[in-house]
Protein backbone atom coordinates (compact mmCIF):
# COMPACT_ATOMS: atom_id res chain seq x y z
CA UNK A 1 -143.53 -68.37 -80.25
CA UNK A 2 -144.49 -65.76 -77.73
CA UNK A 3 -145.10 -62.03 -77.59
CA UNK A 4 -142.82 -60.53 -74.97
CA UNK A 5 -143.87 -56.87 -75.22
CA UNK A 6 -146.55 -54.74 -76.85
CA UNK A 7 -147.00 -51.00 -77.25
CA UNK A 8 -150.17 -49.48 -78.71
CA UNK A 9 -150.76 -45.80 -79.37
CA UNK A 10 -153.95 -44.01 -80.51
CA UNK A 11 -155.52 -47.39 -81.12
CA UNK A 12 -159.26 -47.65 -80.37
CA UNK A 13 -159.60 -46.21 -76.85
CA UNK A 14 -155.95 -46.78 -75.91
CA UNK A 15 -154.05 -43.49 -75.96
CA UNK A 16 -150.84 -45.28 -75.04
CA UNK A 17 -150.57 -48.68 -73.39
CA UNK A 18 -147.43 -50.71 -72.78
CA UNK A 19 -147.36 -54.40 -71.81
CA UNK A 20 -144.70 -56.85 -70.70
CA UNK A 21 -146.33 -60.26 -71.04
CA UNK A 22 -145.78 -63.53 -69.23
CA UNK A 23 -144.95 -66.81 -70.97
CA UNK A 24 -148.21 -68.50 -69.92
CA UNK A 25 -151.72 -67.11 -69.55
CA UNK A 26 -152.09 -63.34 -69.79
CA UNK A 27 -155.51 -62.39 -68.45
CA UNK A 28 -157.12 -59.04 -69.30
CA UNK A 29 -159.82 -58.23 -66.75
CA UNK A 30 -162.32 -55.40 -66.89
CA UNK A 31 -165.88 -54.37 -67.60
CA UNK A 32 -167.28 -54.40 -71.11
CA UNK A 33 -166.17 -51.55 -73.35
CA UNK A 34 -162.98 -50.78 -71.44
CA UNK A 35 -160.48 -51.92 -74.10
CA UNK A 36 -159.72 -55.57 -73.35
CA UNK A 37 -160.57 -56.84 -76.82
CA UNK A 38 -158.62 -53.96 -78.36
CA UNK A 39 -155.42 -55.44 -76.92
CA UNK A 40 -156.13 -58.76 -78.65
CA UNK A 41 -156.98 -56.86 -81.83
CA UNK A 42 -153.57 -55.15 -81.70
CA UNK A 43 -151.87 -58.54 -81.38
CA UNK A 44 -153.83 -59.70 -84.42
CA UNK A 45 -152.46 -56.73 -86.37
CA UNK A 46 -148.89 -57.74 -85.49
CA UNK A 47 -149.37 -61.33 -86.62
CA UNK A 48 -151.72 -60.85 -89.59
CA UNK A 49 -151.43 -57.11 -90.45
CA UNK A 50 -155.18 -56.81 -89.93
CA UNK A 51 -157.91 -56.95 -87.32
CA UNK A 52 -160.05 -59.97 -86.55
CA UNK A 53 -162.72 -57.54 -85.38
CA UNK A 54 -162.95 -54.53 -87.72
CA UNK A 55 -163.52 -54.54 -91.47
CA UNK A 56 -161.50 -51.37 -92.01
CA UNK A 57 -158.23 -50.05 -90.57
CA UNK A 58 -159.81 -46.62 -90.30
CA UNK A 59 -162.19 -47.87 -87.61
CA UNK A 60 -159.27 -48.69 -85.30
CA UNK A 61 -157.89 -45.14 -85.16
CA UNK A 62 -158.69 -43.37 -81.88
CA UNK A 63 -161.30 -40.67 -82.37
CA UNK A 64 -159.56 -37.32 -82.79
CA UNK A 65 -156.27 -38.91 -83.93
CA UNK A 66 -154.80 -39.42 -87.39
CA UNK A 67 -152.34 -42.30 -86.87
CA UNK A 68 -152.36 -45.48 -84.84
CA UNK A 69 -149.16 -47.40 -84.07
CA UNK A 70 -148.66 -50.93 -82.80
CA UNK A 71 -145.23 -52.32 -81.90
CA UNK A 72 -144.32 -55.67 -80.47
CA UNK A 73 -141.40 -58.01 -79.89
CA UNK A 74 -141.96 -61.65 -80.77
CA UNK A 75 -139.67 -64.46 -79.65
CA UNK A 76 -139.57 -67.62 -81.77
CA UNK A 77 -139.27 -71.07 -80.20
CA UNK A 78 -135.71 -71.14 -81.58
CA UNK A 79 -134.89 -68.02 -79.55
CA UNK A 80 -134.80 -65.69 -82.56
CA UNK A 81 -136.33 -62.29 -81.86
CA UNK A 82 -138.40 -60.16 -84.25
CA UNK A 83 -139.65 -56.61 -83.82
CA UNK A 84 -142.87 -55.90 -85.72
CA UNK A 85 -144.51 -52.52 -86.24
CA UNK A 86 -147.82 -51.53 -87.84
CA UNK A 87 -148.80 -47.91 -88.47
CA UNK A 88 -151.88 -46.60 -90.23
CA UNK A 89 -152.62 -42.99 -91.20
CA UNK A 90 -156.27 -42.06 -91.47
CA UNK A 91 -155.83 -38.92 -93.59
CA UNK A 92 -153.91 -40.71 -96.36
CA UNK A 93 -155.26 -44.24 -95.95
CA UNK A 94 -151.68 -45.55 -95.93
CA UNK A 95 -150.49 -48.51 -93.84
CA UNK A 96 -146.87 -49.35 -93.10
CA UNK A 97 -145.80 -52.81 -91.94
CA UNK A 98 -142.21 -53.53 -90.94
CA UNK A 99 -140.42 -56.47 -89.35
CA UNK A 100 -136.99 -55.67 -87.93
CA UNK A 101 -137.29 -52.28 -89.67
CA UNK A 102 -137.66 -53.93 -93.09
CA UNK A 103 -140.83 -53.03 -95.00
CA UNK A 104 -143.15 -55.96 -95.59
CA UNK A 105 -144.68 -56.21 -99.08
CA UNK A 106 -147.13 -57.59 -99.83
CA UNK A 107 -148.78 -57.65 -96.42
CA UNK A 108 -150.03 -61.18 -97.09
CA UNK A 109 -146.42 -62.45 -97.00
CA UNK A 110 -146.46 -62.17 -93.21
CA UNK A 111 -149.29 -64.76 -92.88
CA UNK A 112 -147.90 -67.87 -91.19
CA UNK A 113 -144.69 -66.20 -90.06
CA UNK A 114 -146.17 -65.46 -86.63
CA UNK A 115 -148.84 -68.19 -86.24
CA UNK A 116 -151.90 -67.20 -84.25
CA UNK A 117 -155.16 -68.77 -83.12
CA UNK A 118 -158.11 -66.49 -82.43
CA UNK A 119 -161.43 -67.24 -80.77
CA UNK A 120 -163.89 -64.39 -80.28
CA UNK A 121 -167.67 -63.86 -80.40
CA UNK A 122 -167.18 -62.91 -84.07
CA UNK A 123 -166.22 -66.54 -84.73
CA UNK A 124 -169.49 -67.97 -83.42
CA UNK A 125 -170.90 -68.34 -86.96
CA UNK A 126 -168.27 -70.99 -87.69
CA UNK A 127 -170.60 -73.48 -86.01
CA UNK A 128 -173.92 -71.63 -86.24
CA UNK A 129 -173.77 -69.72 -89.51
CA UNK A 130 -173.63 -70.20 -93.25
CA UNK A 131 -171.18 -72.40 -95.21
CA UNK A 132 -169.06 -69.33 -96.01
CA UNK A 133 -168.19 -69.00 -92.31
CA UNK A 134 -166.84 -72.55 -92.19
CA UNK A 135 -164.92 -72.06 -95.43
CA UNK A 136 -163.25 -68.97 -93.96
CA UNK A 137 -162.18 -71.06 -90.96
CA UNK A 138 -160.61 -73.69 -93.23
CA UNK A 139 -158.86 -71.10 -95.36
CA UNK A 140 -157.48 -69.21 -92.37
CA UNK A 141 -155.95 -72.30 -90.77
CA UNK A 142 -154.56 -73.83 -93.95
CA UNK A 143 -153.19 -70.51 -95.21
CA UNK A 144 -151.07 -70.06 -92.08
CA UNK A 145 -149.62 -73.54 -92.53
CA UNK A 146 -149.21 -73.52 -96.33
CA UNK A 147 -147.99 -70.57 -98.38
CA UNK A 148 -148.79 -72.39 -101.68
CA UNK A 149 -152.40 -72.86 -100.57
CA UNK A 150 -152.70 -69.19 -99.64
CA UNK A 151 -151.27 -68.16 -103.01
CA UNK A 152 -153.65 -70.50 -104.86
CA UNK A 153 -156.60 -69.19 -102.83
CA UNK A 154 -155.79 -65.56 -103.66
CA UNK A 155 -155.44 -66.45 -107.34
CA UNK A 156 -158.70 -68.42 -107.32
CA UNK A 157 -160.54 -65.43 -105.88
CA UNK A 158 -159.12 -63.24 -108.67
CA UNK A 159 -160.20 -65.75 -111.33
CA UNK A 160 -163.64 -66.10 -109.76
CA UNK A 161 -164.11 -62.33 -109.73
CA UNK A 162 -163.18 -62.04 -113.42
CA UNK A 163 -165.34 -64.99 -114.42
CA UNK A 164 -168.33 -63.63 -112.53
CA UNK A 165 -167.89 -60.27 -114.24
CA UNK A 166 -168.05 -61.92 -117.66
CA UNK A 167 -171.17 -63.85 -116.70
CA UNK A 168 -172.90 -60.84 -115.15
CA UNK A 169 -172.05 -58.52 -118.07
CA UNK A 170 -173.39 -61.12 -120.47
CA UNK A 171 -176.62 -61.38 -118.49
CA UNK A 172 -177.13 -57.62 -118.25
CA UNK A 173 -176.28 -56.95 -121.91
CA UNK A 174 -178.23 -60.02 -123.06
CA UNK A 175 -175.39 -61.41 -125.12
CA UNK A 176 -173.60 -64.75 -125.26
CA UNK A 177 -170.34 -65.04 -123.33
CA UNK A 178 -168.74 -66.73 -126.33
CA UNK A 179 -165.05 -67.63 -126.03
CA UNK A 180 -164.34 -64.93 -123.47
CA UNK A 181 -164.99 -67.29 -120.60
CA UNK A 182 -162.90 -70.23 -121.87
CA UNK A 183 -159.49 -69.26 -120.39
CA UNK A 184 -161.11 -68.49 -117.04
CA UNK A 185 -162.79 -71.91 -117.06
CA UNK A 186 -159.49 -73.75 -117.23
CA UNK A 187 -157.93 -71.62 -114.50
CA UNK A 188 -160.96 -72.22 -112.31
CA UNK A 189 -160.66 -75.97 -112.90
CA UNK A 190 -156.96 -76.14 -112.03
CA UNK A 191 -157.08 -73.83 -109.01
CA UNK A 192 -160.42 -75.15 -107.76
CA UNK A 193 -159.31 -78.76 -107.89
CA UNK A 194 -156.09 -77.96 -106.04
CA UNK A 195 -157.92 -76.12 -103.28
CA UNK A 196 -160.48 -78.93 -102.96
CA UNK A 197 -157.72 -81.53 -102.67
CA UNK A 198 -155.89 -79.50 -100.03
CA UNK A 199 -159.04 -78.95 -97.99
CA UNK A 200 -159.84 -82.67 -98.09
CA UNK A 201 -156.34 -83.56 -96.88
CA UNK A 202 -156.51 -80.97 -94.15
CA UNK A 203 -159.84 -82.19 -92.78
CA UNK A 204 -158.65 -85.79 -92.95
CA UNK A 205 -155.78 -84.83 -90.65
CA UNK A 206 -157.71 -82.33 -88.54
CA UNK A 207 -160.48 -84.64 -87.32
CA UNK A 208 -158.27 -86.30 -84.72
CA UNK A 209 -157.26 -82.91 -83.28
CA UNK A 210 -160.91 -81.93 -82.82
CA UNK A 211 -161.81 -85.25 -81.20
CA UNK A 212 -158.93 -85.04 -78.74
CA UNK A 213 -159.70 -81.44 -77.76
CA UNK A 214 -163.41 -82.06 -77.37
CA UNK A 215 -162.70 -85.05 -75.13
CA UNK A 216 -160.64 -82.85 -72.80
CA UNK A 217 -163.37 -80.21 -72.65
CA UNK A 218 -166.55 -82.28 -72.42
CA UNK A 219 -165.64 -85.86 -71.62
CA UNK A 220 -166.64 -89.02 -73.48
CA UNK A 221 -170.42 -88.59 -73.70
CA UNK A 222 -170.33 -86.43 -76.85
CA UNK A 223 -168.52 -87.56 -80.02
CA UNK A 224 -167.70 -84.81 -82.54
CA UNK A 225 -167.45 -85.44 -86.27
CA UNK A 226 -166.59 -83.40 -89.36
CA UNK A 227 -167.79 -84.12 -92.91
CA UNK A 228 -166.48 -82.36 -96.01
CA UNK A 229 -169.01 -81.73 -98.79
CA UNK A 230 -167.15 -80.23 -101.78
CA UNK A 231 -169.11 -78.80 -104.69
CA UNK A 232 -167.35 -81.32 -106.97
CA UNK A 233 -166.52 -84.82 -105.77
CA UNK A 234 -164.07 -87.24 -107.39
CA UNK A 235 -160.72 -88.90 -106.74
CA UNK A 236 -157.83 -86.47 -106.43
CA UNK A 237 -155.83 -85.80 -109.57
CA UNK A 238 -157.03 -85.93 -113.21
CA UNK A 239 -160.40 -87.41 -112.25
CA UNK A 240 -161.23 -84.40 -110.08
CA UNK A 241 -160.27 -81.97 -112.81
CA UNK A 242 -162.41 -83.86 -115.32
CA UNK A 243 -165.29 -83.73 -112.84
CA UNK A 244 -164.83 -79.95 -112.52
CA UNK A 245 -165.00 -79.53 -116.30
CA UNK A 246 -168.10 -81.69 -116.50
CA UNK A 247 -169.76 -79.73 -113.69
CA UNK A 248 -169.02 -76.43 -115.42
CA UNK A 249 -170.54 -77.75 -118.62
CA UNK A 250 -173.66 -79.05 -116.89
CA UNK A 251 -174.17 -75.74 -115.05
CA UNK A 252 -173.37 -73.50 -118.03
CA UNK A 253 -176.96 -72.55 -118.85
CA UNK A 254 -177.83 -71.80 -115.22
CA UNK A 255 -174.64 -69.75 -114.74
CA UNK A 256 -175.53 -67.60 -117.74
CA UNK A 257 -179.05 -67.17 -116.40
CA UNK A 258 -177.94 -66.16 -112.89
CA UNK A 259 -174.76 -64.33 -113.89
CA UNK A 260 -172.56 -66.07 -111.32
CA UNK A 261 -170.21 -69.06 -111.00
CA UNK A 262 -171.95 -72.07 -109.46
CA UNK A 263 -169.06 -74.55 -109.43
CA UNK A 264 -165.94 -74.38 -107.28
CA UNK A 265 -164.56 -74.41 -103.72
CA UNK A 266 -166.49 -71.20 -102.97
CA UNK A 267 -169.54 -73.52 -102.86
CA UNK A 268 -168.10 -76.12 -100.48
CA UNK A 269 -169.67 -77.02 -97.15
CA UNK A 270 -168.30 -78.53 -93.94
CA UNK A 271 -170.78 -80.23 -91.62
CA UNK A 272 -170.05 -80.41 -87.88
CA UNK A 273 -171.96 -82.95 -85.78
CA UNK A 274 -172.20 -84.35 -82.24
CA UNK A 275 -173.20 -87.98 -81.84
CA UNK A 276 -174.29 -87.99 -85.48
CA UNK A 277 -176.65 -84.99 -85.16
CA UNK A 278 -175.79 -81.84 -87.11
CA UNK A 279 -174.45 -79.22 -84.75
CA UNK A 280 -176.04 -76.25 -86.52
CA UNK A 281 -179.53 -77.69 -86.17
CA UNK A 282 -179.56 -79.49 -82.83
CA UNK A 283 -176.80 -78.29 -80.48
CA UNK A 284 -177.26 -76.14 -77.38
CA UNK A 285 -175.38 -72.85 -76.95
CA UNK A 286 -172.94 -74.57 -74.60
CA UNK A 287 -172.29 -77.33 -77.13
CA UNK A 288 -171.70 -74.79 -79.87
CA UNK A 289 -169.20 -72.93 -77.68
CA UNK A 290 -167.44 -76.16 -76.66
CA UNK A 291 -167.20 -77.30 -80.29
CA UNK A 292 -165.81 -73.92 -81.34
CA UNK A 293 -163.18 -74.00 -78.60
CA UNK A 294 -162.29 -77.58 -79.61
CA UNK A 295 -161.79 -76.34 -83.18
CA UNK A 296 -159.49 -73.61 -81.91
CA UNK A 297 -157.45 -75.95 -79.72
CA UNK A 298 -157.20 -78.36 -82.65
CA UNK A 299 -156.08 -75.44 -84.80
CA UNK A 300 -153.34 -74.66 -82.27
CA UNK A 301 -151.95 -78.21 -82.35
CA UNK A 302 -152.17 -78.39 -86.14
CA UNK A 303 -150.31 -75.09 -86.65
CA UNK A 304 -147.67 -75.96 -84.09
CA UNK A 305 -146.81 -79.11 -86.03
CA UNK A 306 -147.01 -77.56 -89.51
CA UNK A 307 -145.35 -74.20 -88.75
CA UNK A 308 -142.77 -75.48 -86.29
CA UNK A 309 -143.85 -72.74 -83.88
CA UNK A 310 -146.28 -72.75 -80.96
CA UNK A 311 -148.98 -70.26 -82.02
CA UNK A 312 -150.06 -67.42 -79.78
CA UNK A 313 -153.65 -68.01 -78.67
CA UNK A 314 -156.20 -65.19 -78.29
CA UNK A 315 -159.38 -66.04 -76.38
CA UNK A 316 -161.89 -63.20 -76.27
CA UNK A 317 -164.92 -63.59 -73.98
CA UNK A 318 -164.41 -67.33 -74.10
CA UNK A 319 -166.39 -68.31 -70.99
CA UNK A 320 -169.85 -67.15 -72.01
CA UNK A 321 -172.29 -70.04 -72.58
CA UNK A 322 -169.95 -72.46 -70.76
CA UNK A 323 -170.91 -74.05 -67.44
CA UNK A 324 -168.43 -73.86 -64.58
CA UNK A 325 -167.02 -77.35 -65.14
CA UNK A 326 -166.32 -76.80 -68.84
CA UNK A 327 -164.89 -73.34 -68.15
CA UNK A 328 -162.49 -74.77 -65.56
CA UNK A 329 -161.42 -77.58 -67.92
CA UNK A 330 -160.85 -75.10 -70.72
CA UNK A 331 -158.76 -72.73 -68.63
CA UNK A 332 -156.62 -75.51 -67.21
CA UNK A 333 -156.12 -77.00 -70.67
CA UNK A 334 -155.22 -73.87 -72.64
CA UNK A 335 -153.01 -72.37 -69.93
CA UNK A 336 -150.69 -75.37 -70.35
CA UNK A 337 -150.45 -75.10 -74.15
CA UNK A 338 -148.42 -71.96 -74.77
CA UNK A 339 -148.70 -68.23 -74.35
CA UNK A 340 -152.40 -67.39 -74.17
CA UNK A 341 -154.28 -64.08 -73.97
CA UNK A 342 -157.70 -64.20 -72.32
CA UNK A 343 -160.29 -61.46 -71.79
CA UNK A 344 -162.93 -61.71 -69.09
CA UNK A 345 -165.20 -59.61 -66.91
CA UNK A 346 -165.12 -62.16 -64.08
CA UNK A 347 -161.88 -62.62 -62.06
CA UNK A 348 -163.24 -65.65 -60.18
CA UNK A 349 -162.63 -67.96 -63.13
CA UNK A 350 -158.91 -67.59 -62.46
CA UNK A 351 -158.77 -68.21 -58.73
CA UNK A 352 -157.76 -71.87 -58.97
CA UNK A 353 -156.12 -72.77 -62.28
CA UNK A 354 -153.72 -69.82 -62.44
CA UNK A 355 -152.82 -69.39 -58.80
CA UNK A 356 -149.09 -69.34 -57.96
CA UNK A 357 -147.93 -69.74 -61.56
CA UNK A 358 -145.04 -67.32 -62.25
CA UNK A 359 -145.54 -67.58 -66.05
CA UNK A 360 -149.05 -66.07 -65.81
CA UNK A 361 -149.98 -62.41 -65.53
CA UNK A 362 -153.18 -60.47 -64.94
CA UNK A 363 -153.95 -56.97 -66.13
CA UNK A 364 -156.77 -54.65 -65.15
CA UNK A 365 -158.06 -52.69 -68.14
CA UNK A 366 -160.13 -49.56 -67.57
CA UNK A 367 -160.98 -46.82 -70.07
CA UNK A 368 -158.16 -47.73 -72.42
CA UNK A 369 -155.51 -48.04 -69.70
CA UNK A 370 -153.99 -51.30 -68.48
CA UNK A 371 -152.32 -51.99 -65.14
CA UNK A 372 -150.50 -55.18 -64.11
CA UNK A 373 -152.51 -56.63 -61.26
CA UNK A 374 -151.27 -58.72 -58.34
CA UNK A 375 -153.14 -61.93 -57.61
CA UNK A 376 -154.02 -60.59 -54.20
CA UNK A 377 -155.70 -57.60 -55.81
CA UNK A 378 -157.59 -59.83 -58.24
């Protein structure tokens, strides 16, 4: 899949910007704060109906405006074309999503239709942060490849919210939960076990993608590994569900004391390591960045196989913390994968790998305006 054109209006600091993109690497050059990342954010809206950067649609509306609009034409690997449009009105809080002029409802139904891989500074906590950051990474990748997983995940979150409310109300009011929690227990068991099984299968398949990508980026001296640590461990199937029920029973008193659910996939952990040493504790900044990029390249290959489409890749400020050799390897590697969008403040990274490639394009972005740049000018 590739994005052939993009139009953004009253979005962040872009009054109106229009792009015709190349099939290969599309480089957005400019100083910080000029609107490079905003272009990637707009692409995220087209593919996911939301930003990878902002927590609220209202934050993306240009100051002094009431409505932002994003339009783009996406071309599938089969040659089928789709026109997507996102509009958000600040005064009413309403968002409209259409594909080929047909309204999309619910918005979540678009996830996986236009597969996308995103790497930005906001994703740094995947390797450096808390377990929740790694769980979000798993859920984002699997959800694009599996609609049933995404549906189960949304339902699990609803069940978890209701169950936590019962526990918290019981704690505050100093009363026993009684039978009120029983139906939520069984739903948590069934959904939680299914999510755990799917995550385990995914990581079993995904390890080889990470190893291959890391080898291309850093060579053979560093060996990456991934270990899944679910909150409940047992063989898949009935045994896992029995283990979930037993864990809920053993944690019942503590859950009532704390007012929160202590068993389930929302408590899972994924441990990343290099040469057997946990990444979060021992890795350098460069190793963290290389591992994160390897995850993203692995994600690209995984989604291409599962979705039957080459995902669009967004790489925001990807070269920070990378030495020149790793940066050059990365650029050469990703520019051969599929359509890629890269932001940078330094044009010199692109002198060699992208020279004389007709599929690549460079844009200068300044104060919310973008201009196609010739290689001679860069």
